[in-house]
Each structure stands twice: as C-alpha cells, then as structure tokens.
Amino acid sequence: MGRIDLIDNRWVDLVFEGKNQAFGAYALRKDTGKRNLKALILTVATIVAIMLLVAAKVAIENQLASRVAITDDVELSKLAQKKETKVERKEPVKIEMEKQVVEKVKSSVKFTAPEIKKDNEVNPEDEIKSQDDLSKTNTAIGSFGVKGNDEEGGEVLKAQQVAVDEAPKEEETKVFDVVEQMPSFPGGDAALMKFLSEHIKYPVVAEENGIQGRVIATFVVERDGSITDVKVIKSVDPSLDKEAIRVLKSMPKWIPGKQNGSAVRVKYTVPVTFRLQ
C-alpha cells in the first residue's frame, strides 16, 4: 500500500476521471485536504492554549503563596517592633523617716527583754535590772540607757526606724503588655512560622466549604516560658478558631520576657493564616 497523503488531492482527479466533475461530490472531495489541514491546526492551537492556561494558573498560585508568606513575615516583624517599645526603668523608691530633734532629754534606764543566754555571753549593760533596783531609782525606763540634761521637762528617747531603700516589686500575677525584653519563640519568628505551617491541620468542614482567612490570637507567656490563656481576638470561623487555639497551645516553651532583669508574664499576639491550596 502506498503512502497516504491527506493534503494531496490528486486521488480525486483519478477517481473522477471521465466523469461529471461539475457534480457536488467532486468539489466536496477536492476541498478535503484543506479541511483536514485546518482541523489539524485548530487542534494543535487548542492544546497549546490549554497548556499555557495551566502554566499561567500555576505561576499565579505560586506568586500568591509567596506574597502571603511575605505578608505574614511582615506582620510578625511589625508586631515585634511594636512590642519592642522602650520602657523606662523605675528608680527605687527611697523611704525616709522623719527625724526628730530632741533638745531636752530625760535620763532613762535601758529596758532589757528577758532572753536565755549563757553567763559568758551576757553584756553587763544588758543585764536585767531587779525589781529592788528599779524601785530605788526615779529614773525612767526607756529603750536606751541615757544620761539626760533635763530630768523634769525632758523626754525619754525612743528607738527610731532607719531609712530603707525599697525597690518596687511587680506582683507575680500581673500580665505586662510591653517589657524591656519581649518573649520570643525558640529560633525566632521564622521558626514560629515554620512550626505553625507544619502543625496546622486544615479543618475538613472549612475545607469543604472553601473557608479561609487569618485568625488573630493572643496568649500569655508565663515566667517559665509556658503558654497559657490562649484567646481569639479576630475570628474567621469556629472551626478555624478552634484549630488555631489547639496549635498555639501545643507550642514548646518560649524564652520568657524580662523586666528589670526578672522574668515576668507577658501578653503576646500572633496571626495564624489558613489558606486553601
């Protein structure tokens, strides 16, 4: 059998040789090659167009995914910058007792509280005075043994409290919004984003209904780095909110925040993005 050429129409002339070529069948078969060529070109063009559309769709999805990742990184960096606000250190509060100047002092005998000690450890000045000794003297009993300068109008000296420097102490239960050293995820923001992306399980209900979005949640980083009080402050869908809370509670211990060199409880905000592929 010879080679079949769908474009070459010489076979038509052979078939219709000596016949009425004005008949419609001759014209119809004469144009068969042109129709086959047009059909072939149209088929190839359609296949190429479909391939280009698929490639364009994949490129657009990859670009959108990269933009979402960049947006999340930018949001985390903005949150970190916002949290790293400079906090002024409070100076210790100095408490001073008012000093009393006494010009007239009355003589007094030091009162010694009973205390059991060995004889060789007792200071003669601290020996307890007997009732006979106290009854024989008109000197007042005070906190010190003092020789005064005015027995009638003088005052008996009393012990005064010494000035004390006291630094303010934050309550262990107080939650700070901003501290000198903010808490951080082990490895930084990049490690946090990786942990969230690897541990999020897209809820089946949300996936079937095409629900996606960004859940904003807050939690408290305790003094030991553990995570407590996880709450959603911007909801998208109950199923996505529940999954975001579950993932945040499963995080490992953070590096706790510090204020005045001590670990404190700090409130932190994190966006959790849910996006269908």
C-alpha atoms as a PDB file:
ATOM      1  CA  MET A   1       0.000   0.000   0.000  1.00  0.00           C
ATOM      2  CA  GLY A   2       1.369   3.405  -0.887  1.00  0.00           C
ATOM      3  CA  ARG A   3       1.774   6.310   1.467  1.00  0.00           C
ATOM      4  CA  ILE A   4      -1.499   8.182   2.225  1.00  0.00           C
ATOM      5  CA  ASP A   5      -1.273  11.961   1.974  1.00  0.00           C
ATOM      6  CA  LEU A   6      -4.282  13.707   3.498  1.00  0.00           C
ATOM      7  CA  ILE A   7      -3.400  17.029   1.895  1.00  0.00           C
ATOM      8  CA  ASP A   8      -2.657  15.843  -1.661  1.00  0.00           C
ATOM      9  CA  ASN A   9      -5.891  15.738  -3.672  1.00  0.00           C
ATOM     10  CA  ARG A  10      -4.592  14.086  -6.838  1.00  0.00           C
ATOM     11  CA  TRP A  11      -6.527  10.932  -5.994  1.00  0.00           C
ATOM     12  CA  VAL A  12      -9.754  12.902  -6.505  1.00  0.00           C
ATOM     13  CA  ASP A  13      -8.881  13.596 -10.130  1.00  0.00           C
ATOM     14  CA  LEU A  14      -8.119   9.910 -10.662  1.00  0.00           C
ATOM     15  CA  VAL A  15     -11.448   8.869  -9.195  1.00  0.00           C
ATOM     16  CA  PHE A  16     -13.460  11.396 -11.168  1.00  0.00           C
ATOM     17  CA  GLU A  17     -11.541  10.983 -14.442  1.00  0.00           C
ATOM     18  CA  GLY A  18     -14.026  10.784 -17.306  1.00  0.00           C
ATOM     19  CA  LYS A  19     -16.922  11.588 -15.020  1.00  0.00           C
ATOM     20  CA  ASN A  20     -19.041  14.655 -14.463  1.00  0.00           C
ATOM     21  CA  GLN A  21     -16.806  16.891 -12.368  1.00  0.00           C
ATOM     22  CA  ALA A  22     -19.500  19.535 -12.107  1.00  0.00           C
ATOM     23  CA  PHE A  23     -21.239  17.253  -9.649  1.00  0.00           C
ATOM     24  CA  GLY A  24     -21.120  18.433  -5.982  1.00  0.00           C
ATOM     25  CA  ALA A  25     -19.258  15.352  -4.790  1.00  0.00           C
ATOM     26  CA  TYR A  26     -16.166  16.302  -6.797  1.00  0.00           C
ATOM     27  CA  ALA A  27     -15.986  19.806  -5.259  1.00  0.00           C
ATOM     28  CA  LEU A  28     -16.598  18.384  -1.797  1.00  0.00           C
ATOM     29  CA  ARG A  29     -13.789  15.831  -2.056  1.00  0.00           C
ATOM     30  CA  LYS A  30     -11.499  18.352  -3.735  1.00  0.00           C
ATOM     31  CA  ASP A  31     -11.575  20.515  -0.576  1.00  0.00           C
ATOM     32  CA  THR A  32     -10.993  17.599   1.810  1.00  0.00           C
ATOM     33  CA  GLY A  33      -7.273  18.332   2.171  1.00  0.00           C
ATOM     34  CA  LYS A  34      -7.835  21.954   3.128  1.00  0.00           C
ATOM     35  CA  ARG A  35     -10.398  20.952   5.747  1.00  0.00           C
ATOM     36  CA  ASN A  36      -8.049  18.344   7.226  1.00  0.00           C
ATOM     37  CA  LEU A  37      -5.242  20.899   7.457  1.00  0.00           C
ATOM     38  CA  LYS A  38      -7.489  23.471   9.162  1.00  0.00           C
ATOM     39  CA  ALA A  39      -8.723  20.856  11.642  1.00  0.00           C
ATOM     40  CA  LEU A  40      -5.148  19.816  12.479  1.00  0.00           C
ATOM     41  CA  ILE A  41      -4.025  23.415  13.026  1.00  0.00           C
ATOM     42  CA  LEU A  42      -7.072  24.154  15.194  1.00  0.00           C
ATOM     43  CA  THR A  43      -6.459  21.049  17.324  1.00  0.00           C
ATOM     44  CA  VAL A  44      -2.787  21.927  17.917  1.00  0.00           C
ATOM     45  CA  ALA A  45      -3.681  25.546  18.760  1.00  0.00           C
ATOM     46  CA  THR A  46      -6.294  24.396  21.300  1.00  0.00           C
ATOM     47  CA  ILE A  47      -3.831  22.066  23.037  1.00  0.00           C
ATOM     48  CA  VAL A  48      -1.182  24.813  23.211  1.00  0.00           C
ATOM     49  CA  ALA A  49      -3.727  27.299  24.624  1.00  0.00           C
ATOM     50  CA  ILE A  50      -4.772  24.825  27.370  1.00  0.00           C
ATOM     51  CA  MET A  51      -1.127  24.222  28.318  1.00  0.00           C
ATOM     52  CA  LEU A  52      -0.466  27.972  28.516  1.00  0.00           C
ATOM     53  CA  LEU A  53      -3.533  28.492  30.725  1.00  0.00           C
ATOM     54  CA  VAL A  54      -2.457  25.726  33.118  1.00  0.00           C
ATOM     55  CA  ALA A  55       1.087  27.117  33.331  1.00  0.00           C
ATOM     56  CA  ALA A  56      -0.250  30.643  33.969  1.00  0.00           C
ATOM     57  CA  LYS A  57      -2.549  29.380  36.727  1.00  0.00           C
ATOM     58  CA  VAL A  58       0.305  27.558  38.482  1.00  0.00           C
ATOM     59  CA  ALA A  59       2.535  30.642  38.257  1.00  0.00           C
ATOM     60  CA  ILE A  60      -0.189  32.884  39.699  1.00  0.00           C
ATOM     61  CA  GLU A  61      -0.855  30.491  42.610  1.00  0.00           C
ATOM     62  CA  ASN A  62       2.871  30.303  43.444  1.00  0.00           C
ATOM     63  CA  GLN A  63       3.120  34.082  43.355  1.00  0.00           C
ATOM     64  CA  LEU A  64       0.097  34.468  45.647  1.00  0.00           C
ATOM     65  CA  ALA A  65       1.526  31.905  48.062  1.00  0.00           C
ATOM     66  CA  SER A  66       4.835  33.757  48.212  1.00  0.00           C
ATOM     67  CA  ARG A  67       3.019  37.040  48.808  1.00  0.00           C
ATOM     68  CA  VAL A  68       1.059  35.510  51.693  1.00  0.00           C
ATOM     69  CA  ALA A  69       4.264  34.211  53.286  1.00  0.00           C
ATOM     70  CA  ILE A  70       5.915  37.625  52.910  1.00  0.00           C
ATOM     71  CA  THR A  71       2.825  39.337  54.369  1.00  0.00           C
ATOM     72  CA  ASP A  72       2.892  37.043  57.409  1.00  0.00           C
ATOM     73  CA  ASP A  73       6.593  37.711  57.960  1.00  0.00           C
ATOM     74  CA  VAL A  74       5.996  41.480  57.699  1.00  0.00           C
ATOM     75  CA  GLU A  75       3.109  41.311  60.167  1.00  0.00           C
ATOM     76  CA  LEU A  76       5.200  39.370  62.658  1.00  0.00           C
ATOM     77  CA  SER A  77       8.073  41.835  62.305  1.00  0.00           C
ATOM     78  CA  LYS A  78       5.680  44.749  62.830  1.00  0.00           C
ATOM     79  CA  LEU A  79       4.285  43.081  65.931  1.00  0.00           C
ATOM     80  CA  ALA A  80       7.804  42.516  67.236  1.00  0.00           C
ATOM     81  CA  GLN A  81       8.756  46.153  66.568  1.00  0.00           C
ATOM     82  CA  LYS A  82       5.611  47.319  68.294  1.00  0.00           C
ATOM     83  CA  LYS A  83       6.369  45.154  71.300  1.00  0.00           C
ATOM     84  CA  GLU A  84       9.979  46.384  71.491  1.00  0.00           C
ATOM     85  CA  THR A  85       8.925  49.788  72.739  1.00  0.00           C
ATOM     86  CA  LYS A  86      11.427  51.309  75.103  1.00  0.00           C
ATOM     87  CA  VAL A  87      10.323  51.005  78.702  1.00  0.00           C
ATOM     88  CA  GLU A  88      11.687  53.389  81.296  1.00  0.00           C
ATOM     89  CA  ARG A  89      13.168  51.684  84.322  1.00  0.00           C
ATOM     90  CA  LYS A  90      11.644  52.812  87.575  1.00  0.00           C
ATOM     91  CA  GLU A  91      14.124  54.089  90.113  1.00  0.00           C
ATOM     92  CA  PRO A  92      13.979  52.546  93.590  1.00  0.00           C
ATOM     93  CA  VAL A  93      11.803  54.496  95.972  1.00  0.00           C
ATOM     94  CA  LYS A  94      13.673  55.735  98.991  1.00  0.00           C
ATOM     95  CA  ILE A  95      11.617  55.835 102.155  1.00  0.00           C
ATOM     96  CA  GLU A  96      12.900  58.167 104.844  1.00  0.00           C
ATOM     97  CA  MET A  97      11.503  58.507 108.308  1.00  0.00           C
ATOM     98  CA  GLU A  98      11.105  61.980 109.698  1.00  0.00           C
ATOM     99  CA  LYS A  99      13.951  62.751 112.085  1.00  0.00           C
ATOM    100  CA  GLN A 100      13.016  64.182 115.423  1.00  0.00           C
ATOM    101  CA  VAL A 101      15.468  66.529 117.104  1.00  0.00           C
ATOM    102  CA  VAL A 102      15.136  66.351 120.904  1.00  0.00           C
ATOM    103  CA  GLU A 103      16.791  69.192 122.782  1.00  0.00           C
ATOM    104  CA  LYS A 104      15.702  68.181 126.299  1.00  0.00           C
ATOM    105  CA  VAL A 105      16.446  64.580 127.282  1.00  0.00           C
ATOM    106  CA  LYS A 106      15.441  62.822 130.459  1.00  0.00           C
ATOM    107  CA  SER A 107      17.696  60.198 131.986  1.00  0.00           C
ATOM    108  CA  SER A 108      16.493  56.633 131.445  1.00  0.00           C
ATOM    109  CA  VAL A 109      17.406  53.068 132.272  1.00  0.00           C
ATOM    110  CA  LYS A 110      17.539  50.648 129.354  1.00  0.00           C
ATOM    111  CA  PHE A 111      14.793  48.065 129.395  1.00  0.00           C
ATOM    112  CA  THR A 112      16.121  44.598 128.607  1.00  0.00           C
ATOM    113  CA  ALA A 113      13.710  41.938 127.386  1.00  0.00           C
ATOM    114  CA  PRO A 114      14.159  38.515 129.028  1.00  0.00           C
ATOM    115  CA  GLU A 115      16.333  36.212 126.911  1.00  0.00           C
ATOM    116  CA  ILE A 116      18.029  32.950 127.815  1.00  0.00           C
ATOM    117  CA  LYS A 117      21.812  33.091 127.281  1.00  0.00           C
ATOM    118  CA  LYS A 118      24.950  31.703 128.813  1.00  0.00           C
ATOM    119  CA  ASP A 119      26.535  33.796 131.528  1.00  0.00           C
ATOM    120  CA  ASN A 120      29.675  34.467 129.498  1.00  0.00           C
ATOM    121  CA  GLU A 121      27.570  35.821 126.604  1.00  0.00           C
ATOM    122  CA  VAL A 122      25.678  38.415 128.635  1.00  0.00           C
ATOM    123  CA  ASN A 123      26.842  42.028 128.368  1.00  0.00           C
ATOM    124  CA  PRO A 124      26.817  43.734 131.789  1.00  0.00           C
ATOM    125  CA  GLU A 125      24.895  46.650 130.317  1.00  0.00           C
ATOM    126  CA  ASP A 126      22.183  44.262 129.085  1.00  0.00           C
ATOM    127  CA  GLU A 127      21.628  42.519 132.425  1.00  0.00           C
ATOM    128  CA  ILE A 128      18.007  42.605 133.573  1.00  0.00           C
ATOM    129  CA  LYS A 129      17.513  45.036 136.431  1.00  0.00           C
ATOM    130  CA  SER A 130      15.910  43.601 139.555  1.00  0.00           C
ATOM    131  CA  GLN A 131      12.668  44.980 140.977  1.00  0.00           C
ATOM    132  CA  ASP A 132      14.591  46.333 144.003  1.00  0.00           C
ATOM    133  CA  ASP A 133      16.938  48.282 141.733  1.00  0.00           C
ATOM    134  CA  LEU A 134      14.038  49.702 139.771  1.00  0.00           C
ATOM    135  CA  SER A 135      12.083  50.677 142.876  1.00  0.00           C
ATOM    136  CA  LYS A 136      15.081  52.526 144.364  1.00  0.00           C
ATOM    137  CA  THR A 137      15.537  54.791 141.348  1.00  0.00           C
ATOM    138  CA  ASN A 138      13.338  57.537 139.956  1.00  0.00           C
ATOM    139  CA  THR A 139      14.907  57.238 136.504  1.00  0.00           C
ATOM    140  CA  ALA A 140      12.513  56.375 133.693  1.00  0.00           C
ATOM    141  CA  ILE A 141      12.744  53.124 131.773  1.00  0.00           C
ATOM    142  CA  GLY A 142      13.385  53.503 128.060  1.00  0.00           C
ATOM    143  CA  SER A 143      14.912  51.901 125.022  1.00  0.00           C
ATOM    144  CA  PHE A 144      18.375  53.179 125.916  1.00  0.00           C
ATOM    145  CA  GLY A 145      20.375  53.841 128.978  1.00  0.00           C
ATOM    146  CA  VAL A 146      20.842  57.630 128.686  1.00  0.00           C
ATOM    147  CA  LYS A 147      22.112  60.361 130.980  1.00  0.00           C
ATOM    148  CA  GLY A 148      19.809  63.299 130.356  1.00  0.00           C
ATOM    149  CA  ASN A 149      20.081  67.076 130.651  1.00  0.00           C
ATOM    150  CA  ASP A 150      16.589  67.856 131.968  1.00  0.00           C
ATOM    151  CA  GLU A 151      15.062  65.457 134.473  1.00  0.00           C
ATOM    152  CA  GLU A 152      11.756  67.338 134.784  1.00  0.00           C
ATOM    153  CA  GLY A 153      10.908  68.669 131.314  1.00  0.00           C
ATOM    154  CA  GLY A 154      12.981  66.276 129.247  1.00  0.00           C
ATOM    155  CA  GLU A 155      11.726  63.450 127.016  1.00  0.00           C
ATOM    156  CA  VAL A 156      12.657  59.811 127.084  1.00  0.00           C
ATOM    157  CA  LEU A 157      14.439  58.847 123.869  1.00  0.00           C
ATOM    158  CA  LYS A 158      12.721  56.208 121.731  1.00  0.00           C
ATOM    159  CA  ALA A 159      14.110  53.949 119.048  1.00  0.00           C
ATOM    160  CA  GLN A 160      13.672  55.377 115.537  1.00  0.00           C
ATOM    161  CA  GLN A 161      13.395  53.435 112.324  1.00  0.00           C
ATOM    162  CA  VAL A 162      16.321  53.711 109.936  1.00  0.00           C
ATOM    163  CA  ALA A 163      15.753  54.863 106.339  1.00  0.00           C
ATOM    164  CA  VAL A 164      15.316  51.924 103.980  1.00  0.00           C
ATOM    165  CA  ASP A 165      15.731  51.729 100.207  1.00  0.00           C
ATOM    166  CA  GLU A 166      12.926  49.702  98.740  1.00  0.00           C
ATOM    167  CA  ALA A 167      12.657  48.722  95.064  1.00  0.00           C
ATOM    168  CA  PRO A 168       9.137  48.332  93.683  1.00  0.00           C
ATOM    169  CA  LYS A 169       8.211  44.707  93.120  1.00  0.00           C
ATOM    170  CA  GLU A 170       5.672  43.697  90.463  1.00  0.00           C
ATOM    171  CA  GLU A 171       3.108  41.152  91.515  1.00  0.00           C
ATOM    172  CA  GLU A 172       3.767  37.709  90.154  1.00  0.00           C
ATOM    173  CA  THR A 173       0.233  37.574  88.788  1.00  0.00           C
ATOM    174  CA  LYS A 174       0.489  40.822  86.775  1.00  0.00           C
ATOM    175  CA  VAL A 175       0.492  40.468  82.984  1.00  0.00           C
ATOM    176  CA  PHE A 176       2.585  43.016  81.042  1.00  0.00           C
ATOM    177  CA  ASP A 177       1.823  44.212  77.515  1.00  0.00           C
ATOM    178  CA  VAL A 178       5.305  45.649  76.916  1.00  0.00           C
ATOM    179  CA  VAL A 179       8.544  44.871  78.769  1.00  0.00           C
ATOM    180  CA  GLU A 180      12.214  45.636  78.318  1.00  0.00           C
ATOM    181  CA  GLN A 181      12.951  42.199  76.815  1.00  0.00           C
ATOM    182  CA  MET A 182       9.959  40.730  74.973  1.00  0.00           C
ATOM    183  CA  PRO A 183       9.395  36.942  74.973  1.00  0.00           C
ATOM    184  CA  SER A 184      10.408  35.075  71.821  1.00  0.00           C
ATOM    185  CA  PHE A 185       9.852  31.698  70.174  1.00  0.00           C
ATOM    186  CA  PRO A 186      12.966  29.466  70.205  1.00  0.00           C
ATOM    187  CA  GLY A 187      14.652  30.216  66.872  1.00  0.00           C
ATOM    188  CA  GLY A 188      12.820  33.494  66.214  1.00  0.00           C
ATOM    189  CA  ASP A 189       9.863  34.462  64.003  1.00  0.00           C
ATOM    190  CA  ALA A 190      10.953  32.239  61.103  1.00  0.00           C
ATOM    191  CA  ALA A 191      10.929  29.177  63.370  1.00  0.00           C
ATOM    192  CA  LEU A 192       7.488  30.200  64.676  1.00  0.00           C
ATOM    193  CA  MET A 193       6.035  30.443  61.132  1.00  0.00           C
ATOM    194  CA  LYS A 194       7.548  27.061  60.257  1.00  0.00           C
ATOM    195  CA  PHE A 195       6.069  25.466  63.385  1.00  0.00           C
ATOM    196  CA  LEU A 196       2.589  26.829  62.625  1.00  0.00           C
ATOM    197  CA  SER A 197       2.653  25.751  58.959  1.00  0.00           C
ATOM    198  CA  GLU A 198       3.821  22.225  59.847  1.00  0.00           C
ATOM    199  CA  HIS A 199       1.362  21.617  62.687  1.00  0.00           C
ATOM    200  CA  ILE A 200      -1.842  23.204  61.362  1.00  0.00           C
ATOM    201  CA  LYS A 201      -4.427  20.626  60.271  1.00  0.00           C
ATOM    202  CA  TYR A 202      -6.975  22.268  57.993  1.00  0.00           C
ATOM    203  CA  PRO A 203     -10.489  21.516  59.358  1.00  0.00           C
ATOM    204  CA  VAL A 204     -12.449  19.296  56.957  1.00  0.00           C
ATOM    205  CA  VAL A 205     -15.630  21.366  57.327  1.00  0.00           C
ATOM    206  CA  ALA A 206     -13.831  24.605  56.475  1.00  0.00           C
ATOM    207  CA  GLU A 207     -12.016  22.968  53.555  1.00  0.00           C
ATOM    208  CA  GLU A 208     -15.222  21.571  52.061  1.00  0.00           C
ATOM    209  CA  ASN A 209     -16.930  24.971  52.348  1.00  0.00           C
ATOM    210  CA  GLY A 210     -13.925  26.875  50.974  1.00  0.00           C
ATOM    211  CA  ILE A 211     -13.443  28.899  54.189  1.00  0.00           C
ATOM    212  CA  GLN A 212     -10.058  30.576  54.626  1.00  0.00           C
ATOM    213  CA  GLY A 213      -8.609  33.663  56.320  1.00  0.00           C
ATOM    214  CA  ARG A 214      -6.357  34.934  59.119  1.00  0.00           C
ATOM    215  CA  VAL A 215      -7.153  34.274  62.804  1.00  0.00           C
ATOM    216  CA  ILE A 216      -5.609  36.746  65.268  1.00  0.00           C
ATOM    217  CA  ALA A 217      -4.962  35.199  68.690  1.00  0.00           C
ATOM    218  CA  THR A 218      -3.372  36.303  71.961  1.00  0.00           C
ATOM    219  CA  PHE A 219      -1.779  34.308  74.757  1.00  0.00           C
ATOM    220  CA  VAL A 220       0.323  34.814  77.882  1.00  0.00           C
ATOM    221  CA  VAL A 221       3.954  33.738  78.042  1.00  0.00           C
ATOM    222  CA  GLU A 222       4.487  32.728  81.663  1.00  0.00           C
ATOM    223  CA  ARG A 223       7.647  33.324  83.710  1.00  0.00           C
ATOM    224  CA  ASP A 224       8.827  29.796  82.890  1.00  0.00           C
ATOM    225  CA  GLY A 225       8.079  30.200  79.149  1.00  0.00           C
ATOM    226  CA  SER A 226       4.899  28.101  79.107  1.00  0.00           C
ATOM    227  CA  ILE A 227       1.824  29.266  77.138  1.00  0.00           C
ATOM    228  CA  THR A 228      -1.488  30.000  78.909  1.00  0.00           C
ATOM    229  CA  ASP A 229      -4.732  31.924  78.403  1.00  0.00           C
ATOM    230  CA  VAL A 230      -4.937  31.463  74.607  1.00  0.00           C
ATOM    231  CA  LYS A 231      -7.772  33.585  73.168  1.00  0.00           C
ATOM    232  CA  VAL A 232      -9.018  34.573  69.685  1.00  0.00           C
ATOM    233  CA  ILE A 233      -9.469  38.339  69.238  1.00  0.00           C
ATOM    234  CA  LYS A 234     -10.266  38.236  65.490  1.00  0.00           C
ATOM    235  CA  SER A 235     -12.379  35.280  64.399  1.00  0.00           C
ATOM    236  CA  VAL A 236     -12.845  33.816  60.910  1.00  0.00           C
ATOM    237  CA  ASP A 237     -14.812  30.616  61.521  1.00  0.00           C
ATOM    238  CA  PRO A 238     -15.370  28.499  64.669  1.00  0.00           C
ATOM    239  CA  SER A 239     -13.528  25.535  63.136  1.00  0.00           C
ATOM    240  CA  LEU A 240     -10.509  27.668  62.177  1.00  0.00           C
ATOM    241  CA  ASP A 241     -10.539  29.428  65.575  1.00  0.00           C
ATOM    242  CA  LYS A 242     -10.518  26.081  67.381  1.00  0.00           C
ATOM    243  CA  GLU A 243      -7.602  24.796  65.285  1.00  0.00           C
ATOM    244  CA  ALA A 244      -5.596  27.992  65.859  1.00  0.00           C
ATOM    245  CA  ILE A 245      -6.058  27.662  69.645  1.00  0.00           C
ATOM    246  CA  ARG A 246      -5.047  23.994  69.525  1.00  0.00           C
ATOM    247  CA  VAL A 247      -1.820  24.710  67.606  1.00  0.00           C
ATOM    248  CA  LEU A 248      -0.842  27.648  69.842  1.00  0.00           C
ATOM    249  CA  LYS A 249      -1.375  25.572  72.980  1.00  0.00           C
ATOM    250  CA  SER A 250       0.876  22.845  71.541  1.00  0.00           C
ATOM    251  CA  MET A 251       3.841  25.228  71.098  1.00  0.00           C
ATOM    252  CA  PRO A 252       7.020  24.470  73.045  1.00  0.00           C
ATOM    253  CA  LYS A 253       8.124  26.742  75.856  1.00  0.00           C
ATOM    254  CA  TRP A 254       9.137  30.261  74.799  1.00  0.00           C
ATOM    255  CA  ILE A 255      12.022  32.371  76.040  1.00  0.00           C
ATOM    256  CA  PRO A 256      10.211  34.406  78.737  1.00  0.00           C
ATOM    257  CA  GLY A 257      10.117  38.201  78.784  1.00  0.00           C
ATOM    258  CA  LYS A 258      12.081  40.166  81.356  1.00  0.00           C
ATOM    259  CA  GLN A 259      11.502  43.398  83.240  1.00  0.00           C
ATOM    260  CA  ASN A 260      14.223  44.875  85.464  1.00  0.00           C
ATOM    261  CA  GLY A 261      16.213  41.674  84.940  1.00  0.00           C
ATOM    262  CA  SER A 262      13.449  39.372  86.242  1.00  0.00           C
ATOM    263  CA  ALA A 263      11.192  37.052  84.248  1.00  0.00           C
ATOM    264  CA  VAL A 264       7.587  38.288  84.098  1.00  0.00           C
ATOM    265  CA  ARG A 265       4.281  37.295  82.488  1.00  0.00           C
ATOM    266  CA  VAL A 266       3.785  38.944  79.075  1.00  0.00           C
ATOM    267  CA  LYS A 267       0.808  39.075  76.703  1.00  0.00           C
ATOM    268  CA  TYR A 268       1.671  38.279  73.055  1.00  0.00           C
ATOM    269  CA  THR A 269      -0.284  38.480  69.759  1.00  0.00           C
ATOM    270  CA  VAL A 270       0.199  36.158  66.749  1.00  0.00           C
ATOM    271  CA  PRO A 271      -1.667  35.858  63.381  1.00  0.00           C
ATOM    272  CA  VAL A 272      -2.476  32.307  62.210  1.00  0.00           C
ATOM    273  CA  THR A 273      -3.187  32.131  58.444  1.00  0.00           C
ATOM    274  CA  PHE A 274      -5.433  29.487  56.884  1.00  0.00           C
ATOM    275  CA  ARG A 275      -5.283  29.352  53.071  1.00  0.00           C
ATOM    276  CA  LEU A 276      -6.569  26.672  50.729  1.00  0.00           C
ATOM    277  CA  GLN A 277      -4.166  25.416  48.064  1.00  0.00           C
END
